[in-house]
């Protein structure tokens, strides 16, 4: 069953700041979450009830609501900035 993707405004702003190459790389990873919200390589975050996946040097942070079949993307940041 497919999951609905929801991108909160803060993550939209993160995406707006990406260059074309990085944006396309991140976009592909985000769209794959529609089919499988827990792909190989995703990591559960200990402090923040969420998950992260890598897209090159960027990290996509998201939460999964299995009951509502929804993936909520809340941050897209460069790896050196994302956990601050």
PDB file of N, CA and C in Angstrom:
ATOM      1  N   UNK A   1       0.844  -1.188   0.000  1.00  0.00           N
ATOM      2  CA  UNK A   1       0.000   0.000   0.000  1.00  0.00           C
ATOM      3  C   UNK A   1       0.887   1.248   0.000  1.00  0.00           C
ATOM      4  N   UNK A   2       0.506   2.214  -0.800  1.00  0.00           N
ATOM      5  CA  UNK A   2       1.291   3.444  -0.912  1.00  0.00           C
ATOM      6  C   UNK A   2       1.048   4.367   0.273  1.00  0.00           C
ATOM      7  N   UNK A   3       2.095   5.096   0.610  1.00  0.00           N
ATOM      8  CA  UNK A   3       2.016   6.094   1.662  1.00  0.00           C
ATOM      9  C   UNK A   3       1.879   7.479   1.026  1.00  0.00           C
ATOM     10  N   UNK A   4       1.160   8.342   1.691  1.00  0.00           N
ATOM     11  CA  UNK A   4       1.003   9.726   1.245  1.00  0.00           C
ATOM     12  C   UNK A   4       2.208  10.522   1.755  1.00  0.00           C
ATOM     13  N   UNK A   5       2.823  11.314   0.891  1.00  0.00           N
ATOM     14  CA  UNK A   5       3.965  12.127   1.287  1.00  0.00           C
ATOM     15  C   UNK A   5       3.499  13.519   1.690  1.00  0.00           C
ATOM     16  N   UNK A   6       4.010  13.973   2.826  1.00  0.00           N
ATOM     17  CA  UNK A   6       3.673  15.318   3.309  1.00  0.00           C
ATOM     18  C   UNK A   6       4.987  16.012   3.663  1.00  0.00           C
ATOM     19  N   UNK A   7       5.189  17.189   3.104  1.00  0.00           N
ATOM     20  CA  UNK A   7       6.411  17.945   3.363  1.00  0.00           C
ATOM     21  C   UNK A   7       6.020  19.216   4.113  1.00  0.00           C
ATOM     22  N   UNK A   8       6.534  19.360   5.328  1.00  0.00           N
ATOM     23  CA  UNK A   8       6.175  20.535   6.119  1.00  0.00           C
ATOM     24  C   UNK A   8       6.918  21.762   5.576  1.00  0.00           C
ATOM     25  N   UNK A   9       6.426  22.971   5.864  1.00  0.00           N
ATOM     26  CA  UNK A   9       7.026  24.189   5.294  1.00  0.00           C
ATOM     27  C   UNK A   9       8.529  24.348   5.555  1.00  0.00           C
ATOM     28  N   UNK A  10       9.015  23.955   6.717  1.00  0.00           N
ATOM     29  CA  UNK A  10      10.447  24.088   7.001  1.00  0.00           C
ATOM     30  C   UNK A  10      11.265  23.230   6.028  1.00  0.00           C
ATOM     31  N   UNK A  11      10.780  22.031   5.729  1.00  0.00           N
ATOM     32  CA  UNK A  11      11.472  21.156   4.775  1.00  0.00           C
ATOM     33  C   UNK A  11      11.355  21.712   3.356  1.00  0.00           C
ATOM     34  N   UNK A  12      10.226  22.327   3.029  1.00  0.00           N
ATOM     35  CA  UNK A  12      10.072  22.959   1.713  1.00  0.00           C
ATOM     36  C   UNK A  12      11.106  24.061   1.536  1.00  0.00           C
ATOM     37  N   UNK A  13      11.325  24.828   2.588  1.00  0.00           N
ATOM     38  CA  UNK A  13      12.320  25.893   2.537  1.00  0.00           C
ATOM     39  C   UNK A  13      13.721  25.308   2.339  1.00  0.00           C
ATOM     40  N   UNK A  14      14.002  24.183   3.025  1.00  0.00           N
ATOM     41  CA  UNK A  14      15.283  23.490   2.843  1.00  0.00           C
ATOM     42  C   UNK A  14      15.460  23.081   1.376  1.00  0.00           C
ATOM     43  N   UNK A  15      14.404  22.528   0.791  1.00  0.00           N
ATOM     44  CA  UNK A  15      14.460  22.076  -0.600  1.00  0.00           C
ATOM     45  C   UNK A  15      14.662  23.245  -1.568  1.00  0.00           C
ATOM     46  N   UNK A  16      14.030  24.370  -1.271  1.00  0.00           N
ATOM     47  CA  UNK A  16      14.164  25.548  -2.130  1.00  0.00           C
ATOM     48  C   UNK A  16      15.603  26.048  -2.193  1.00  0.00           C
ATOM     49  N   UNK A  17      16.383  25.784  -1.140  1.00  0.00           N
ATOM     50  CA  UNK A  17      17.756  26.257  -1.089  1.00  0.00           C
ATOM     51  C   UNK A  17      18.759  25.347  -1.772  1.00  0.00           C
ATOM     52  N   UNK A  18      18.322  24.213  -2.303  1.00  0.00           N
ATOM     53  CA  UNK A  18      19.236  23.266  -2.935  1.00  0.00           C
ATOM     54  C   UNK A  18      19.493  23.629  -4.398  1.00  0.00           C
ATOM     55  N   UNK A  19      20.672  23.268  -4.863  1.00  0.00           N
ATOM     56  CA  UNK A  19      20.977  23.413  -6.286  1.00  0.00           C
ATOM     57  C   UNK A  19      20.245  22.340  -7.073  1.00  0.00           C
ATOM     58  N   UNK A  20      20.240  22.458  -8.384  1.00  0.00           N
ATOM     59  CA  UNK A  20      19.479  21.540  -9.242  1.00  0.00           C
ATOM     60  C   UNK A  20      19.916  20.085  -9.074  1.00  0.00           C
ATOM     61  N   UNK A  21      21.220  19.827  -9.062  1.00  0.00           N
ATOM     62  CA  UNK A  21      21.714  18.449  -8.952  1.00  0.00           C
ATOM     63  C   UNK A  21      21.316  17.839  -7.607  1.00  0.00           C
ATOM     64  N   UNK A  22      21.552  18.575  -6.518  1.00  0.00           N
ATOM     65  CA  UNK A  22      21.207  18.068  -5.186  1.00  0.00           C
ATOM     66  C   UNK A  22      19.702  17.904  -5.037  1.00  0.00           C
ATOM     67  N   UNK A  23      18.940  18.848  -5.583  1.00  0.00           N
ATOM     68  CA  UNK A  23      17.485  18.775  -5.501  1.00  0.00           C
ATOM     69  C   UNK A  23      16.976  17.496  -6.166  1.00  0.00           C
ATOM     70  N   UNK A  24      17.493  17.182  -7.354  1.00  0.00           N
ATOM     71  CA  UNK A  24      17.039  15.984  -8.063  1.00  0.00           C
ATOM     72  C   UNK A  24      17.395  14.720  -7.309  1.00  0.00           C
ATOM     73  N   UNK A  25      18.563  14.686  -6.696  1.00  0.00           N
ATOM     74  CA  UNK A  25      18.993  13.537  -5.907  1.00  0.00           C
ATOM     75  C   UNK A  25      18.074  13.333  -4.698  1.00  0.00           C
ATOM     76  N   UNK A  26      17.788  14.419  -4.004  1.00  0.00           N
ATOM     77  CA  UNK A  26      16.909  14.360  -2.821  1.00  0.00           C
ATOM     78  C   UNK A  26      15.483  14.003  -3.235  1.00  0.00           C
ATOM     79  N   UNK A  27      15.015  14.590  -4.334  1.00  0.00           N
ATOM     80  CA  UNK A  27      13.645  14.343  -4.819  1.00  0.00           C
ATOM     81  C   UNK A  27      13.429  12.858  -5.114  1.00  0.00           C
ATOM     82  N   UNK A  28      14.412  12.214  -5.751  1.00  0.00           N
ATOM     83  CA  UNK A  28      14.293  10.789  -6.059  1.00  0.00           C
ATOM     84  C   UNK A  28      14.124   9.966  -4.788  1.00  0.00           C
ATOM     85  N   UNK A  29      14.933  10.284  -3.774  1.00  0.00           N
ATOM     86  CA  UNK A  29      14.852   9.555  -2.501  1.00  0.00           C
ATOM     87  C   UNK A  29      13.505   9.776  -1.817  1.00  0.00           C
ATOM     88  N   UNK A  30      13.025  11.011  -1.852  1.00  0.00           N
ATOM     89  CA  UNK A  30      11.737  11.315  -1.221  1.00  0.00           C
ATOM     90  C   UNK A  30      10.608  10.552  -1.914  1.00  0.00           C
ATOM     91  N   UNK A  31      10.623  10.535  -3.237  1.00  0.00           N
ATOM     92  CA  UNK A  31       9.554   9.851  -3.974  1.00  0.00           C
ATOM     93  C   UNK A  31       9.562   8.343  -3.721  1.00  0.00           C
ATOM     94  N   UNK A  32      10.729   7.770  -3.452  1.00  0.00           N
ATOM     95  CA  UNK A  32      10.804   6.335  -3.141  1.00  0.00           C
ATOM     96  C   UNK A  32      10.157   6.008  -1.797  1.00  0.00           C
ATOM     97  N   UNK A  33      10.084   6.990  -0.901  1.00  0.00           N
ATOM     98  CA  UNK A  33       9.445   6.765   0.402  1.00  0.00           C
ATOM     99  C   UNK A  33       7.955   6.492   0.262  1.00  0.00           C
ATOM    100  N   UNK A  34       7.381   6.914  -0.844  1.00  0.00           N
ATOM    101  CA  UNK A  34       5.981   6.663  -1.163  1.00  0.00           C
ATOM    102  C   UNK A  34       5.701   5.158  -1.181  1.00  0.00           C
ATOM    103  N   UNK A  35       6.606   4.386  -1.767  1.00  0.00           N
ATOM    104  CA  UNK A  35       6.448   2.934  -1.879  1.00  0.00           C
ATOM    105  C   UNK A  35       6.902   2.190  -0.625  1.00  0.00           C
ATOM    106  N   UNK A  36       8.045   2.624  -0.083  1.00  0.00           N
ATOM    107  CA  UNK A  36       8.630   1.928   1.063  1.00  0.00           C
ATOM    108  C   UNK A  36       9.203   2.964   2.028  1.00  0.00           C
ATOM    109  N   UNK A  37       8.490   3.272   3.124  1.00  0.00           N
ATOM    110  CA  UNK A  37       8.970   4.300   4.036  1.00  0.00           C
ATOM    111  C   UNK A  37      10.167   3.863   4.895  1.00  0.00           C
ATOM    112  N   UNK A  38      10.494   2.595   4.861  1.00  0.00           N
ATOM    113  CA  UNK A  38      11.658   2.093   5.609  1.00  0.00           C
ATOM    114  C   UNK A  38      12.604   1.347   4.667  1.00  0.00           C
ATOM    115  N   UNK A  39      13.217   2.093   3.716  1.00  0.00           N
ATOM    116  CA  UNK A  39      14.091   1.433   2.741  1.00  0.00           C
ATOM    117  C   UNK A  39      15.394   0.965   3.378  1.00  0.00           C
ATOM    118  N   UNK A  40      16.109   0.110   2.679  1.00  0.00           N
ATOM    119  CA  UNK A  40      17.415  -0.330   3.137  1.00  0.00           C
ATOM    120  C   UNK A  40      18.307   0.896   3.296  1.00  0.00           C
ATOM    121  N   UNK A  41      18.971   0.991   4.417  1.00  0.00           N
ATOM    122  CA  UNK A  41      19.862   2.125   4.655  1.00  0.00           C
ATOM    123  C   UNK A  41      19.241   3.236   5.487  1.00  0.00           C
ATOM    124  N   UNK A  42      17.946   3.164   5.736  1.00  0.00           N
ATOM    125  CA  UNK A  42      17.353   4.196   6.594  1.00  0.00           C
ATOM    126  C   UNK A  42      17.749   3.898   8.036  1.00  0.00           C
ATOM    127  N   UNK A  43      17.819   4.932   8.843  1.00  0.00           N
ATOM    128  CA  UNK A  43      18.194   4.751  10.242  1.00  0.00           C
ATOM    129  C   UNK A  43      17.150   5.363  11.136  1.00  0.00           C
ATOM    130  N   UNK A  44      16.790   4.634  12.187  1.00  0.00           N
ATOM    131  CA  UNK A  44      15.867   5.163  13.181  1.00  0.00           C
ATOM    132  C   UNK A  44      16.638   6.130  14.054  1.00  0.00           C
ATOM    133  N   UNK A  45      16.058   7.292  14.301  1.00  0.00           N
ATOM    134  CA  UNK A  45      16.706   8.288  15.144  1.00  0.00           C
ATOM    135  C   UNK A  45      16.318   8.047  16.598  1.00  0.00           C
ATOM    136  N   UNK A  46      17.295   8.008  17.469  1.00  0.00           N
ATOM    137  CA  UNK A  46      17.047   7.712  18.877  1.00  0.00           C
ATOM    138  C   UNK A  46      16.337   8.864  19.581  1.00  0.00           C
ATOM    139  N   UNK A  47      16.793  10.068  19.351  1.00  0.00           N
ATOM    140  CA  UNK A  47      16.281  11.205  20.110  1.00  0.00           C
ATOM    141  C   UNK A  47      14.962  11.750  19.568  1.00  0.00           C
ATOM    142  N   UNK A  48      14.595  11.403  18.359  1.00  0.00           N
ATOM    143  CA  UNK A  48      13.518  12.133  17.699  1.00  0.00           C
ATOM    144  C   UNK A  48      12.494  11.264  16.993  1.00  0.00           C
ATOM    145  N   UNK A  49      12.076  10.181  17.508  1.00  0.00           N
ATOM    146  CA  UNK A  49      10.964   9.398  16.951  1.00  0.00           C
ATOM    147  C   UNK A  49      10.826   9.491  15.435  1.00  0.00           C
ATOM    148  N   UNK A  50      11.912   9.492  14.732  1.00  0.00           N
ATOM    149  CA  UNK A  50      11.834   9.592  13.293  1.00  0.00           C
ATOM    150  C   UNK A  50      12.894   8.744  12.624  1.00  0.00           C
ATOM    151  N   UNK A  51      13.049   8.962  11.338  1.00  0.00           N
ATOM    152  CA  UNK A  51      14.015   8.217  10.534  1.00  0.00           C
ATOM    153  C   UNK A  51      14.819   9.196   9.699  1.00  0.00           C
ATOM    154  N   UNK A  52      15.932   8.686   9.162  1.00  0.00           N
ATOM    155  CA  UNK A  52      16.696   9.488   8.224  1.00  0.00           C
ATOM    156  C   UNK A  52      17.207   8.598   7.113  1.00  0.00           C
ATOM    157  N   UNK A  53      17.307   9.186   5.940  1.00  0.00           N
ATOM    158  CA  UNK A  53      17.949   8.510   4.817  1.00  0.00           C
ATOM    159  C   UNK A  53      18.941   9.485   4.212  1.00  0.00           C
ATOM    160  N   UNK A  54      19.926   8.916   3.555  1.00  0.00           N
ATOM    161  CA  UNK A  54      20.965   9.710   2.907  1.00  0.00           C
ATOM    162  C   UNK A  54      20.627   9.932   1.444  1.00  0.00           C
ATOM    163  N   UNK A  55      20.956  11.122   0.974  1.00  0.00           N
ATOM    164  CA  UNK A  55      20.873  11.437  -0.449  1.00  0.00           C
ATOM    165  C   UNK A  55      22.143  12.219  -0.755  1.00  0.00           C
ATOM    166  N   UNK A  56      23.212  11.513  -1.043  1.00  0.00           N
ATOM    167  CA  UNK A  56      24.508  12.161  -1.239  1.00  0.00           C
ATOM    168  C   UNK A  56      24.988  12.736   0.081  1.00  0.00           C
ATOM    169  N   UNK A  57      25.305  14.026   0.090  1.00  0.00           N
ATOM    170  CA  UNK A  57      25.752  14.695   1.310  1.00  0.00           C
ATOM    171  C   UNK A  57      24.589  15.237   2.132  1.00  0.00           C
ATOM    172  N   UNK A  58      23.377  14.976   1.693  1.00  0.00           N
ATOM    173  CA  UNK A  58      22.207  15.494   2.390  1.00  0.00           C
ATOM    174  C   UNK A  58      21.490  14.394   3.158  1.00  0.00           C
ATOM    175  N   UNK A  59      20.777  14.819   4.200  1.00  0.00           N
ATOM    176  CA  UNK A  59      20.000  13.892   5.011  1.00  0.00           C
ATOM    177  C   UNK A  59      18.542  14.333   4.969  1.00  0.00           C
ATOM    178  N   UNK A  60      17.665  13.354   4.799  1.00  0.00           N
ATOM    179  CA  UNK A  60      16.229  13.604   4.785  1.00  0.00           C
ATOM    180  C   UNK A  60      15.685  13.027   6.081  1.00  0.00           C
ATOM    181  N   UNK A  61      15.126  13.875   6.920  1.00  0.00           N
ATOM    182  CA  UNK A  61      14.570  13.448   8.198  1.00  0.00           C
ATOM    183  C   UNK A  61      13.053  13.391   8.072  1.00  0.00           C
ATOM    184  N   UNK A  62      12.478  12.296   8.545  1.00  0.00           N
ATOM    185  CA  UNK A  62      11.032  12.128   8.381  1.00  0.00           C
ATOM    186  C   UNK A  62      10.451  11.242   9.478  1.00  0.00           C
ATOM    187  N   UNK A  63       9.140  11.342   9.608  1.00  0.00           N
ATOM    188  CA  UNK A  63       8.389  10.499  10.542  1.00  0.00           C
ATOM    189  C   UNK A  63       7.406   9.677   9.720  1.00  0.00           C
ATOM    190  N   UNK A  64       7.039   8.536  10.267  1.00  0.00           N
ATOM    191  CA  UNK A  64       6.093   7.652   9.583  1.00  0.00           C
ATOM    192  C   UNK A  64       4.864   7.480  10.463  1.00  0.00           C
ATOM    193  N   UNK A  65       3.708   7.708   9.882  1.00  0.00           N
ATOM    194  CA  UNK A  65       2.442   7.437  10.562  1.00  0.00           C
ATOM    195  C   UNK A  65       1.804   6.252   9.835  1.00  0.00           C
ATOM    196  N   UNK A  66       2.033   5.045  10.368  1.00  0.00           N
ATOM    197  CA  UNK A  66       1.518   3.838   9.719  1.00  0.00           C
ATOM    198  C   UNK A  66      -0.004   3.789   9.732  1.00  0.00           C
ATOM    199  N   UNK A  67      -0.601   4.325  10.772  1.00  0.00           N
ATOM    200  CA  UNK A  67      -2.055   4.297  10.878  1.00  0.00           C
ATOM    201  C   UNK A  67      -2.706   5.120   9.760  1.00  0.00           C
ATOM    202  N   UNK A  68      -2.155   6.311   9.506  1.00  0.00           N
ATOM    203  CA  UNK A  68      -2.705   7.188   8.470  1.00  0.00           C
ATOM    204  C   UNK A  68      -2.042   6.955   7.110  1.00  0.00           C
ATOM    205  N   UNK A  69      -1.063   6.029   7.045  1.00  0.00           N
ATOM    206  CA  UNK A  69      -0.316   5.758   5.807  1.00  0.00           C
ATOM    207  C   UNK A  69       0.295   7.056   5.264  1.00  0.00           C
ATOM    208  N   UNK A  70       1.058   7.719   6.137  1.00  0.00           N
ATOM    209  CA  UNK A  70       1.618   9.016   5.792  1.00  0.00           C
ATOM    210  C   UNK A  70       3.098   9.085   6.178  1.00  0.00           C
ATOM    211  N   UNK A  71       3.888   9.698   5.314  1.00  0.00           N
ATOM    212  CA  UNK A  71       5.298   9.972   5.584  1.00  0.00           C
ATOM    213  C   UNK A  71       5.423  11.488   5.653  1.00  0.00           C
ATOM    214  N   UNK A  72       5.886  11.999   6.806  1.00  0.00           N
ATOM    215  CA  UNK A  72       6.003  13.435   7.021  1.00  0.00           C
ATOM    216  C   UNK A  72       7.479  13.820   7.000  1.00  0.00           C
ATOM    217  N   UNK A  73       7.881  14.567   5.992  1.00  0.00           N
ATOM    218  CA  UNK A  73       9.270  15.006   5.861  1.00  0.00           C
ATOM    219  C   UNK A  73       9.385  16.346   6.561  1.00  0.00           C
ATOM    220  N   UNK A  74      10.287  16.410   7.562  1.00  0.00           N
ATOM    221  CA  UNK A  74      10.382  17.636   8.342  1.00  0.00           C
ATOM    222  C   UNK A  74      11.707  18.375   8.225  1.00  0.00           C
ATOM    223  N   UNK A  75      12.752  17.775   7.678  1.00  0.00           N
ATOM    224  CA  UNK A  75      14.016  18.482   7.439  1.00  0.00           C
ATOM    225  C   UNK A  75      14.754  17.845   6.277  1.00  0.00           C
ATOM    226  N   UNK A  76      15.448  18.678   5.506  1.00  0.00           N
ATOM    227  CA  UNK A  76      16.375  18.228   4.460  1.00  0.00           C
ATOM    228  C   UNK A  76      17.575  19.147   4.583  1.00  0.00           C
ATOM    229  N   UNK A  77      18.674  18.599   5.110  1.00  0.00           N
ATOM    230  CA  UNK A  77      19.842  19.433   5.377  1.00  0.00           C
ATOM    231  C   UNK A  77      21.127  18.723   4.983  1.00  0.00           C
ATOM    232  N   UNK A  78      22.170  19.511   4.809  1.00  0.00           N
ATOM    233  CA  UNK A  78      23.497  18.954   4.563  1.00  0.00           C
ATOM    234  C   UNK A  78      23.928  18.177   5.795  1.00  0.00           C
ATOM    235  N   UNK A  79      24.707  17.147   5.610  1.00  0.00           N
ATOM    236  CA  UNK A  79      25.058  16.251   6.723  1.00  0.00           C
ATOM    237  C   UNK A  79      25.769  16.961   7.863  1.00  0.00           C
ATOM    238  N   UNK A  80      26.525  18.025   7.585  1.00  0.00           N
ATOM    239  CA  UNK A  80      27.234  18.690   8.692  1.00  0.00           C
ATOM    240  C   UNK A  80      26.322  19.653   9.460  1.00  0.00           C
ATOM    241  N   UNK A  81      25.138  19.943   8.944  1.00  0.00           N
ATOM    242  CA  UNK A  81      24.227  20.883   9.606  1.00  0.00           C
ATOM    243  C   UNK A  81      23.014  20.230  10.245  1.00  0.00           C
ATOM    244  N   UNK A  82      22.679  19.044   9.810  1.00  0.00           N
ATOM    245  CA  UNK A  82      21.372  18.470  10.113  1.00  0.00           C
ATOM    246  C   UNK A  82      21.128  18.166  11.594  1.00  0.00           C
ATOM    247  N   UNK A  83      22.134  17.814  12.347  1.00  0.00           N
ATOM    248  CA  UNK A  83      21.912  17.383  13.725  1.00  0.00           C
ATOM    249  C   UNK A  83      22.160  18.478  14.744  1.00  0.00           C
ATOM    250  N   UNK A  84      22.352  19.696  14.308  1.00  0.00           N
ATOM    251  CA  UNK A  84      22.598  20.795  15.238  1.00  0.00           C
ATOM    252  C   UNK A  84      21.322  21.331  15.822  1.00  0.00           C
TER     253      UNK A  84
END
